[in-house]
Amino acid sequence: MGIRDWFRRTDRKKPIHVGRVTGASSDTQRTLSPFRSRVSDVLQELRRKMEQSEAIDYLKKVNPDVSMAVWNFVRLSNMGHEMHFYESNDKVKRLPKMESDWREFASRINDVSNAGLDGLVDILHQCAFMRGAQGVEVEVAPSRKDIVDVHPVVPQTIYWEAEERDGRKVWIPYQQQALKKVSLEPGKANFFWVPTDPDPDDPRGNLILAPVLQAIDFQLQILQDLQAVLHHQGWPRNDIEILLERVMEYMPGEVKGDPVKYKEWLNNLIDEITETMRNMHPDDDYIHYDDTKITIGQGANIARSVDVRAVTEMVDVQALSGSKQMSIFMNRNQGVTETWGSIQFMIFCNGIASIQRGSKRLIEEVARLWLRVNGKQAVPVFIHNKVDWRNEEQRMKVKLMEEQFWAIAQLMNWVDADKAATETVGVEKAVSDTPAENIRVAFSSGGRGGDTNDDSSDDGEGGLRDDNVLPLWRRNV
């Protein structure tokens, strides 16, 4: 069984379905209120939710750790993007007019949020991170000459059934809408799907945040228990002592001889003192008879009962692992050096890149359908801007190295000037094929001074010496 048959890039005979087949997850709601309800017992509400994705979605809204994890992932996974179109028979030559038309198209899709393609990519990444897959349906106009919109599909609304097609068993996606089951197979819907970390022979994908449910459940329970301990042992208390011998001196005789009245009389005295203390303001003075002894502010003894820091650190490890986060992203970076923090950032970015490959595939499928609808031929390449985990100095050094690379490639006649200009400064055309004779060419990181006749052998921090590069230019002119 395979879902990959849907994504055959060379298959142009696949029919284009018009209109929309999938239903929105809010179809049962005719009015969407701007207000959000709030529950007091988060742990109790969490344990009521039996479906994993529903519980994860709930924690995203109420739990600080899960909310921060989703925020970090969604924001870092979409740092901008570019769509390049290349000629079908020339994988190097870009088509700027087609790219301009795509930008206009990308700005008007995802109409429900008015966020365009950027907003759609955010939704796809959030679905991949929280719901186990990314899915979209492309709604084609009845004329088959334009795309109306691209709709994200909630993965939990899709059901899969193994059926036979053309003598092969394949997984067919369905969506339950009211009282009918709607097929989303090719030819019946322009539906595209990429699961997150799927199991073998299983197109559904996995909920990578599922382990955080156990961690947060434990965390919430521990916090409740710690709250009880802190309330019981962590606050100074007033010690109020009733001197029984003096009380007995003025206790009425008929009360002393009756055990029932004796107990009731003492309880009334205790209740009276208790009520008096409860009604006192923080700046009130203590006024009492000499039968009552008040010792103010008995110290807390929390340190002798439980080590709060050790418990919270244990819970934090589980929360970080379950939410797929590094400590530097969750305000738990005590003792993490700058070097180790950079390594954590790099590891996290590599995880983001694996999810971005799924959205890249989906957007390229949408672009291929957009090309077919518009009667154009090209090769679409969707590129996510990389998350730059380096500092400014490191970025500039890498940029200079890239410029050196393309300059050398042009000097060696491996690429033309237009290609080098496009890759280095992002312009379509170079100003000239070769630099003017009076332009000094230097590839040293240190940037040596002096004229071209300088015989110094110092070339800074490595790199090519300019007196070696200029003769290379002249030989190629």
Protein backbone atom coordinates (compact mmCIF):
# COMPACT_ATOMS: atom_id res chain seq x y z
CA MET A 1 0.00 0.00 0.00
CA GLY A 2 1.30 3.44 -0.73
CA ILE A 3 0.34 7.04 -0.60
CA ARG A 4 3.28 8.11 -2.71
CA ASP A 5 1.38 7.42 -5.92
CA TRP A 6 -0.44 10.70 -5.38
CA PHE A 7 2.78 12.68 -5.64
CA ARG A 8 4.09 11.51 -9.00
CA ARG A 9 5.48 14.73 -10.37
CA THR A 10 5.44 13.54 -13.97
CA ASP A 11 1.75 12.52 -13.87
CA ARG A 12 -0.06 15.22 -15.85
CA LYS A 13 -3.00 13.02 -16.82
CA LYS A 14 -4.41 13.06 -13.30
CA PRO A 15 -7.80 14.81 -13.48
CA ILE A 16 -8.30 18.19 -11.84
CA HIS A 17 -11.34 18.28 -9.58
CA VAL A 18 -13.24 21.56 -9.34
CA GLY A 19 -14.69 23.02 -6.14
CA ARG A 20 -14.05 21.94 -2.57
CA VAL A 21 -14.69 18.47 -1.19
CA THR A 22 -13.33 18.61 2.37
CA GLY A 23 -15.35 20.26 5.09
CA ALA A 24 -14.08 22.77 7.62
CA SER A 25 -13.58 21.55 11.18
CA SER A 26 -16.04 24.25 12.31
CA ASP A 27 -18.86 23.18 9.95
CA THR A 28 -21.07 22.29 12.91
CA GLN A 29 -20.74 25.81 14.32
CA ARG A 30 -22.63 28.59 12.57
CA THR A 31 -21.31 31.30 14.88
CA LEU A 32 -17.75 31.63 16.19
CA SER A 33 -17.65 33.68 19.37
CA PRO A 34 -14.62 35.88 20.10
CA PHE A 35 -14.72 34.81 23.75
CA ARG A 36 -12.80 31.88 25.22
CA SER A 37 -13.97 29.98 28.28
CA ARG A 38 -11.69 29.46 31.24
CA VAL A 39 -11.65 26.48 33.59
CA SER A 40 -10.29 26.59 37.11
CA ASP A 41 -8.96 23.03 37.43
CA VAL A 42 -6.64 22.45 34.46
CA LEU A 43 -5.59 18.97 35.60
CA GLN A 44 -9.17 17.80 35.99
CA GLU A 45 -10.12 19.16 32.56
CA LEU A 46 -7.03 17.57 30.97
CA ARG A 47 -7.91 14.15 32.35
CA ARG A 48 -11.42 14.41 30.90
CA LYS A 49 -10.03 14.59 27.36
CA MET A 50 -9.53 11.04 26.12
CA GLU A 51 -8.27 11.86 22.59
CA GLN A 52 -4.57 12.74 22.48
CA SER A 53 -4.65 15.52 19.89
CA GLU A 54 -7.55 17.19 21.69
CA ALA A 55 -5.59 17.10 24.96
CA ILE A 56 -2.49 18.54 23.27
CA ASP A 57 -4.54 21.34 21.72
CA TYR A 58 -6.02 22.11 25.13
CA LEU A 59 -2.58 22.27 26.78
CA LYS A 60 -1.37 24.65 24.08
CA LYS A 61 -3.94 27.14 25.32
CA VAL A 62 -3.51 26.73 29.08
CA ASN A 63 -0.09 25.28 29.93
CA PRO A 64 2.94 27.61 29.82
CA ASP A 65 5.44 24.90 28.80
CA VAL A 66 3.39 23.48 25.92
CA SER A 67 2.37 26.95 24.80
CA MET A 68 6.04 28.04 24.71
CA ALA A 69 7.04 24.86 22.85
CA VAL A 70 4.45 25.45 20.12
CA TRP A 71 5.33 29.15 19.92
CA ASN A 72 9.05 28.40 19.53
CA PHE A 73 8.52 25.77 16.87
CA VAL A 74 5.97 27.67 14.76
CA ARG A 75 7.87 30.96 14.84
CA LEU A 76 11.28 29.48 14.08
CA SER A 77 10.00 27.10 11.39
CA ASN A 78 8.72 29.96 9.23
CA MET A 79 11.43 32.59 8.80
CA GLY A 80 10.21 33.47 5.33
CA HIS A 81 10.42 31.57 2.06
CA GLU A 82 10.93 31.87 -1.68
CA MET A 83 9.37 30.16 -4.66
CA HIS A 84 11.59 29.70 -7.71
CA PHE A 85 10.34 28.57 -11.09
CA TYR A 86 12.78 27.09 -13.60
CA GLU A 87 12.33 26.22 -17.24
CA SER A 88 11.43 22.58 -17.77
CA ASN A 89 14.39 21.98 -20.09
CA ASP A 90 16.78 24.28 -18.22
CA LYS A 91 17.04 23.68 -14.48
CA VAL A 92 19.22 26.77 -14.04
CA LYS A 93 17.26 29.52 -15.79
CA ARG A 94 14.64 31.11 -13.55
CA LEU A 95 11.35 32.60 -14.76
CA PRO A 96 10.88 35.97 -12.99
CA LYS A 97 7.51 36.74 -14.63
CA MET A 98 6.06 33.46 -13.40
CA GLU A 99 7.48 34.08 -9.92
CA SER A 100 5.78 37.48 -9.89
CA ASP A 101 2.44 35.87 -10.81
CA TRP A 102 2.92 33.31 -8.04
CA ARG A 103 3.51 36.04 -5.46
CA GLU A 104 0.19 37.60 -6.41
CA PHE A 105 -1.51 34.20 -6.08
CA ALA A 106 0.22 33.47 -2.75
CA SER A 107 -1.01 36.74 -1.27
CA ARG A 108 -4.71 35.90 -1.76
CA ILE A 109 -4.91 32.25 -0.64
CA ASN A 110 -5.82 31.20 2.90
CA ASP A 111 -8.62 33.73 2.72
CA VAL A 112 -10.17 32.79 6.06
CA SER A 113 -7.25 34.34 7.96
CA ASN A 114 -6.20 36.91 5.34
CA ALA A 115 -2.61 35.80 6.01
CA GLY A 116 -1.74 34.43 2.57
CA LEU A 117 0.81 31.70 2.03
CA ASP A 118 2.77 32.73 5.15
CA GLY A 119 -0.25 32.03 7.34
CA LEU A 120 -0.92 28.75 5.54
CA VAL A 121 2.65 27.57 6.18
CA ASP A 122 2.27 28.42 9.89
CA ILE A 123 -0.92 26.33 10.06
CA LEU A 124 0.74 23.40 8.27
CA HIS A 125 3.74 23.45 10.62
CA GLN A 126 1.49 23.65 13.66
CA CYS A 127 -0.52 20.66 12.39
CA ALA A 128 2.68 18.70 11.80
CA PHE A 129 3.95 19.50 15.29
CA MET A 130 0.69 19.02 17.21
CA ARG A 131 -1.59 16.83 15.07
CA GLY A 132 0.69 14.37 13.31
CA ALA A 133 0.35 15.40 9.65
CA GLN A 134 -0.03 18.21 7.14
CA GLY A 135 -2.86 18.23 4.65
CA VAL A 136 -4.37 20.71 2.18
CA GLU A 137 -7.07 20.71 -0.45
CA VAL A 138 -6.80 22.98 -3.48
CA GLU A 139 -10.12 24.45 -4.57
CA VAL A 140 -10.17 24.95 -8.35
CA ALA A 141 -12.66 27.31 -10.00
CA PRO A 142 -15.41 25.69 -12.10
CA SER A 143 -13.78 27.10 -15.24
CA ARG A 144 -10.58 25.19 -14.39
CA LYS A 145 -8.61 28.35 -15.20
CA ASP A 146 -7.88 29.57 -11.68
CA ILE A 147 -7.43 28.39 -8.10
CA VAL A 148 -9.99 29.83 -5.69
CA ASP A 149 -8.19 28.96 -2.44
CA VAL A 150 -5.99 26.45 -0.66
CA HIS A 151 -7.64 25.01 2.45
CA PRO A 152 -5.70 23.41 5.33
CA VAL A 153 -7.30 20.18 6.53
CA VAL A 154 -7.36 19.09 10.19
CA PRO A 155 -5.64 15.66 10.19
CA GLN A 156 -8.00 14.26 12.84
CA THR A 157 -10.94 14.59 10.40
CA ILE A 158 -9.34 12.15 7.92
CA TYR A 159 -10.05 8.40 8.03
CA TRP A 160 -8.13 5.83 6.01
CA GLU A 161 -9.40 2.64 4.45
CA ALA A 162 -7.41 0.01 2.58
CA GLU A 163 -9.05 -0.54 -0.81
CA GLU A 164 -8.10 -1.99 -4.17
CA ARG A 165 -7.32 0.32 -7.08
CA ASP A 166 -5.98 -0.94 -10.44
CA GLY A 167 -5.16 -4.32 -8.91
CA ARG A 168 -3.25 -2.80 -5.96
CA LYS A 169 -4.21 -2.25 -2.36
CA VAL A 170 -3.81 1.39 -1.38
CA TRP A 171 -4.90 3.60 1.49
CA ILE A 172 -7.81 5.85 0.52
CA PRO A 173 -8.57 8.94 2.62
CA TYR A 174 -12.13 9.74 3.65
CA GLN A 175 -13.75 12.52 5.62
CA GLN A 176 -17.00 12.08 7.52
CA GLN A 177 -19.35 14.98 6.79
CA ALA A 178 -22.72 14.92 8.53
CA LEU A 179 -24.26 11.57 7.53
CA LYS A 180 -22.04 10.81 4.54
CA LYS A 181 -18.46 9.63 4.03
CA VAL A 182 -16.63 11.65 1.36
CA SER A 183 -13.71 10.18 -0.60
CA LEU A 184 -10.64 12.38 -1.08
CA GLU A 185 -8.78 10.14 -3.51
CA PRO A 186 -7.24 11.59 -6.70
CA GLY A 187 -9.87 12.50 -9.25
CA LYS A 188 -12.42 13.28 -6.55
CA ALA A 189 -10.47 15.96 -4.69
CA ASN A 190 -7.25 17.91 -5.11
CA PHE A 191 -6.05 16.64 -1.75
CA PHE A 192 -2.39 16.48 -0.69
CA TRP A 193 -1.07 14.91 2.48
CA VAL A 194 2.28 14.51 4.27
CA PRO A 195 2.35 12.61 7.60
CA THR A 196 4.79 13.35 10.42
CA ASP A 197 7.14 10.47 11.27
CA PRO A 198 4.71 7.77 10.02
CA ASP A 199 4.97 4.14 11.02
CA PRO A 200 5.57 1.55 8.25
CA ASP A 201 2.48 1.03 6.10
CA ASP A 202 0.56 3.67 8.06
CA PRO A 203 -0.31 7.02 6.38
CA ARG A 204 -1.68 8.69 9.51
CA GLY A 205 1.53 10.03 11.04
CA ASN A 206 2.46 10.22 14.71
CA LEU A 207 1.75 12.79 17.39
CA ILE A 208 5.25 13.84 18.34
CA LEU A 209 3.93 15.78 21.34
CA ALA A 210 2.03 12.79 22.77
CA PRO A 211 4.70 12.09 25.45
CA VAL A 212 4.22 15.59 26.88
CA LEU A 213 0.75 14.60 28.15
CA GLN A 214 2.16 12.30 30.81
CA ALA A 215 4.84 14.86 31.73
CA ILE A 216 2.37 17.75 32.11
CA ASP A 217 -0.12 15.59 34.01
CA PHE A 218 2.65 14.71 36.46
CA GLN A 219 3.83 18.33 36.55
CA LEU A 220 0.37 19.67 37.40
CA GLN A 221 -0.11 17.04 40.11
CA ILE A 222 3.29 17.84 41.63
CA LEU A 223 2.51 21.58 41.61
CA GLN A 224 -0.75 20.95 43.43
CA ASP A 225 1.02 18.81 46.02
CA LEU A 226 3.77 21.40 46.46
CA GLN A 227 1.14 24.10 46.89
CA ALA A 228 -0.39 22.13 49.75
CA VAL A 229 3.02 21.63 51.36
CA LEU A 230 3.91 25.30 51.01
CA HIS A 231 0.60 26.37 52.51
CA HIS A 232 1.08 23.99 55.42
CA GLN A 233 4.77 24.46 56.17
CA GLY A 234 6.10 27.34 54.14
CA TRP A 235 4.48 30.31 55.88
CA PRO A 236 5.17 31.84 59.31
CA ARG A 237 2.38 31.22 61.83
CA ASN A 238 1.20 32.84 65.03
CA ASP A 239 1.28 30.49 68.02
CA ILE A 240 -1.65 31.34 70.32
CA GLU A 241 -1.64 29.50 73.67
CA ILE A 242 -4.60 29.51 76.10
CA LEU A 243 -3.39 29.19 79.70
CA LEU A 244 -5.81 26.61 81.04
CA GLU A 245 -5.01 27.15 84.74
CA ARG A 246 -5.98 30.83 84.60
CA VAL A 247 -9.08 30.03 82.58
CA MET A 248 -10.16 27.57 85.26
CA GLU A 249 -9.87 30.31 87.89
CA TYR A 250 -12.72 32.36 86.44
CA MET A 251 -14.73 29.50 84.95
CA PRO A 252 -18.21 29.36 86.62
CA GLY A 253 -18.68 26.63 89.19
CA GLU A 254 -21.72 25.06 87.45
CA VAL A 255 -19.63 24.64 84.33
CA LYS A 256 -16.70 22.97 86.08
CA GLY A 257 -18.91 20.25 87.49
CA ASP A 258 -20.63 19.39 84.19
CA PRO A 259 -18.37 17.71 81.57
CA VAL A 260 -20.68 18.68 78.71
CA LYS A 261 -20.88 22.35 79.72
CA TYR A 262 -17.15 22.34 80.49
CA LYS A 263 -16.26 21.25 76.94
CA GLU A 264 -18.79 23.61 75.38
CA TRP A 265 -17.48 26.56 77.42
CA LEU A 266 -13.86 25.92 76.31
CA ASN A 267 -14.90 25.51 72.66
CA ASN A 268 -16.76 28.82 72.78
CA LEU A 269 -13.65 30.49 74.18
CA ILE A 270 -11.49 29.04 71.38
CA ASP A 271 -14.04 30.08 68.73
CA GLU A 272 -14.11 33.61 70.13
CA ILE A 273 -10.31 33.94 69.94
CA THR A 274 -10.25 32.40 66.45
CA GLU A 275 -12.88 34.81 65.16
CA THR A 276 -11.03 37.75 66.69
CA MET A 277 -7.78 36.76 64.97
CA ARG A 278 -9.49 36.29 61.61
CA ASN A 279 -11.03 39.75 61.75
CA MET A 280 -7.75 41.47 62.55
CA HIS A 281 -6.11 43.73 59.97
CA PRO A 282 -2.37 43.46 59.23
CA ASP A 283 -1.63 46.70 61.10
CA ASP A 284 -3.79 45.95 64.16
CA ASP A 285 -2.25 45.41 67.61
CA TYR A 286 -2.88 42.39 69.82
CA ILE A 287 -5.07 43.18 72.82
CA HIS A 288 -5.85 40.21 75.11
CA TYR A 289 -6.17 39.05 78.69
CA ASP A 290 -3.32 37.39 80.52
CA ASP A 291 -4.97 33.98 80.04
CA THR A 292 -3.82 34.03 76.40
CA LYS A 293 -0.19 33.90 75.26
CA ILE A 294 0.66 34.95 71.64
CA THR A 295 3.96 34.08 69.98
CA ILE A 296 4.28 35.96 66.68
CA GLY A 297 5.71 34.58 63.43
CA GLN A 298 6.88 31.03 63.99
CA GLY A 299 9.38 30.35 61.14
CA ALA A 300 8.71 28.06 58.19
CA ASN A 301 10.29 24.61 58.18
CA ILE A 302 9.88 23.79 54.49
CA ALA A 303 13.59 22.98 54.08
CA ARG A 304 13.29 20.07 56.49
CA SER A 305 10.37 18.44 54.66
CA VAL A 306 10.91 18.53 50.87
CA ASP A 307 13.49 19.84 48.39
CA VAL A 308 11.31 21.80 45.97
CA ARG A 309 14.15 22.52 43.52
CA ALA A 310 15.07 18.84 43.11
CA VAL A 311 11.46 17.91 42.41
CA THR A 312 10.89 20.69 39.87
CA GLU A 313 14.15 19.91 38.05
CA MET A 314 13.06 16.29 37.67
CA VAL A 315 9.69 17.37 36.26
CA ASP A 316 11.36 19.93 33.95
CA VAL A 317 13.44 17.22 32.26
CA GLN A 318 10.32 15.27 31.37
CA ALA A 319 8.50 18.38 30.13
CA LEU A 320 11.44 19.37 27.91
CA SER A 321 11.81 15.89 26.44
CA GLY A 322 8.09 15.47 25.84
CA SER A 323 7.77 18.87 24.14
CA LYS A 324 10.85 18.28 21.95
CA GLN A 325 12.51 21.45 23.23
CA MET A 326 16.01 22.39 24.32
CA SER A 327 16.54 24.05 27.69
CA ILE A 328 17.67 27.36 26.17
CA PHE A 329 14.22 27.78 24.56
CA MET A 330 12.21 27.12 27.74
CA ASN A 331 13.90 29.48 30.25
CA ARG A 332 15.77 26.61 31.85
CA ASN A 333 19.29 27.39 30.70
CA GLN A 334 21.02 27.54 34.06
CA GLY A 335 24.63 26.51 33.60
CA VAL A 336 24.42 26.27 29.79
CA THR A 337 27.46 27.88 28.16
CA GLU A 338 27.30 29.91 24.96
CA THR A 339 28.99 27.12 22.99
CA TRP A 340 26.65 24.44 24.26
CA GLY A 341 23.68 26.79 23.71
CA SER A 342 24.71 27.21 20.06
CA ILE A 343 24.88 23.43 19.67
CA GLN A 344 21.40 23.07 21.17
CA PHE A 345 20.12 25.73 18.79
CA MET A 346 21.66 23.88 15.83
CA ILE A 347 20.09 20.56 16.91
CA PHE A 348 16.69 22.22 17.27
CA CYS A 349 17.01 23.83 13.83
CA ASN A 350 17.77 20.43 12.28
CA GLY A 351 14.52 19.12 13.76
CA ILE A 352 12.66 22.08 12.30
CA ALA A 353 14.18 21.38 8.87
CA SER A 354 12.69 17.87 8.86
CA ILE A 355 9.19 19.30 9.34
CA GLN A 356 9.84 21.98 6.73
CA ARG A 357 10.48 19.28 4.14
CA GLY A 358 6.84 18.24 4.50
CA SER A 359 5.45 21.74 3.91
CA LYS A 360 7.91 22.19 1.02
CA ARG A 361 6.47 19.12 -0.65
CA LEU A 362 2.89 20.30 -0.17
CA ILE A 363 3.48 23.83 -1.48
CA GLU A 364 5.31 22.44 -4.52
CA GLU A 365 2.31 20.17 -5.21
CA VAL A 366 0.05 23.22 -5.01
CA ALA A 367 2.41 25.06 -7.39
CA ARG A 368 2.33 22.22 -9.92
CA LEU A 369 -1.46 22.27 -9.89
CA TRP A 370 -1.38 26.07 -10.22
CA LEU A 371 0.86 25.70 -13.29
CA ARG A 372 -1.49 23.17 -14.87
CA VAL A 373 -4.54 25.32 -14.24
CA ASN A 374 -2.81 28.32 -15.81
CA GLY A 375 -1.53 26.29 -18.76
CA LYS A 376 2.15 26.83 -17.96
CA GLN A 377 5.14 24.53 -17.80
CA ALA A 378 7.91 24.99 -15.27
CA VAL A 379 9.67 23.31 -12.38
CA PRO A 380 8.65 24.84 -9.01
CA VAL A 381 11.14 24.84 -6.14
CA PHE A 382 9.93 26.04 -2.76
CA ILE A 383 12.72 27.17 -0.42
CA HIS A 384 12.41 27.88 3.30
CA ASN A 385 14.73 30.54 4.69
CA LYS A 386 17.04 28.79 7.10
CA VAL A 387 17.02 29.62 10.78
CA ASP A 388 20.36 31.30 11.36
CA TRP A 389 21.68 30.14 14.72
CA ARG A 390 25.03 31.93 14.28
CA ASN A 391 25.96 35.38 15.55
CA GLU A 392 26.39 38.41 13.29
CA GLU A 393 30.15 38.00 12.90
CA GLN A 394 29.81 34.35 11.90
CA ARG A 395 27.08 35.23 9.38
CA MET A 396 29.22 37.90 7.73
CA LYS A 397 32.21 35.54 7.47
CA VAL A 398 30.07 32.89 5.81
CA LYS A 399 28.61 35.51 3.45
CA LEU A 400 32.11 36.62 2.43
CA MET A 401 33.10 33.00 1.83
CA GLU A 402 30.05 32.52 -0.41
CA GLU A 403 30.96 35.62 -2.40
CA GLN A 404 34.51 34.30 -2.80
CA PHE A 405 33.16 30.96 -3.98
CA TRP A 406 30.99 32.48 -6.73
CA ALA A 407 33.70 34.94 -7.76
CA ILE A 408 36.16 32.07 -8.21
CA ALA A 409 33.50 30.07 -10.08
CA GLN A 410 33.06 32.98 -12.49
CA LEU A 411 36.83 33.46 -12.84
CA MET A 412 37.18 29.80 -13.79
CA ASN A 413 34.34 30.12 -16.33
CA TRP A 414 32.22 27.58 -14.43
CA VAL A 415 29.27 29.98 -14.28
CA ASP A 416 28.44 33.27 -16.00
CA ALA A 417 28.30 36.66 -14.31
CA ASP A 418 24.51 36.66 -14.15
CA LYS A 419 24.45 33.42 -12.15
CA ALA A 420 27.10 34.70 -9.73
CA ALA A 421 25.23 37.99 -9.27
CA THR A 422 21.95 36.16 -8.60
CA GLU A 423 23.44 33.86 -5.98
CA THR A 424 25.43 36.52 -4.13
CA VAL A 425 23.37 39.72 -4.18
CA GLY A 426 20.03 38.47 -5.53
CA VAL A 427 19.88 40.53 -8.72
CA GLU A 428 18.81 39.09 -12.05
CA LYS A 429 21.61 40.54 -14.18
CA ALA A 430 25.22 41.40 -13.45
CA VAL A 431 26.44 44.91 -14.23
CA SER A 432 29.27 43.54 -16.37
CA ASP A 433 30.95 40.25 -17.19
CA THR A 434 34.33 41.26 -15.79
CA PRO A 435 35.40 43.98 -13.36
CA ALA A 436 37.05 47.12 -14.58
CA GLU A 437 40.87 47.07 -14.57
CA ASN A 438 41.00 49.68 -11.82
CA ILE A 439 38.87 47.60 -9.42
CA ARG A 440 41.02 45.88 -6.85
CA VAL A 441 39.99 42.25 -6.27
CA ALA A 442 40.83 40.86 -2.82
CA PHE A 443 39.73 37.58 -1.29
CA SER A 444 41.73 37.84 1.92
CA SER A 445 39.61 37.91 5.07
CA GLY A 446 41.90 40.60 6.42
CA GLY A 447 41.58 42.77 3.31
CA ARG A 448 45.18 43.84 2.51
CA GLY A 449 45.88 47.39 1.61
CA GLY A 450 48.41 48.76 -0.87
CA ASP A 451 48.53 48.75 -4.66
CA THR A 452 48.63 45.80 -7.03
CA ASN A 453 52.43 45.86 -7.20
CA ASP A 454 52.82 45.14 -3.50
CA ASP A 455 55.02 42.04 -3.09
CA SER A 456 53.92 41.35 0.45
CA SER A 457 53.04 37.72 1.03
CA ASP A 458 50.66 38.46 3.90
CA ASP A 459 47.15 37.42 2.89
CA GLY A 460 45.36 38.13 6.15
CA GLU A 461 43.49 35.25 7.76
CA GLY A 462 43.79 32.92 4.79
CA GLY A 463 42.10 33.02 1.40
CA LEU A 464 43.45 33.89 -2.01
CA ARG A 465 45.99 36.66 -2.49
CA ASP A 466 44.85 39.48 -4.74
CA ASP A 467 48.10 39.43 -6.78
CA ASN A 468 47.28 35.82 -7.67
CA VAL A 469 43.70 36.59 -8.65
CA LEU A 470 44.31 39.57 -10.97
CA PRO A 471 46.47 37.56 -13.43
CA LEU A 472 43.66 34.98 -13.44
CA TRP A 473 41.24 37.69 -14.49
CA ARG A 474 43.53 38.83 -17.25
CA ARG A 475 43.98 35.33 -18.64
CA ASN A 476 40.21 34.96 -18.93
CA VAL A 477 39.52 38.38 -20.49
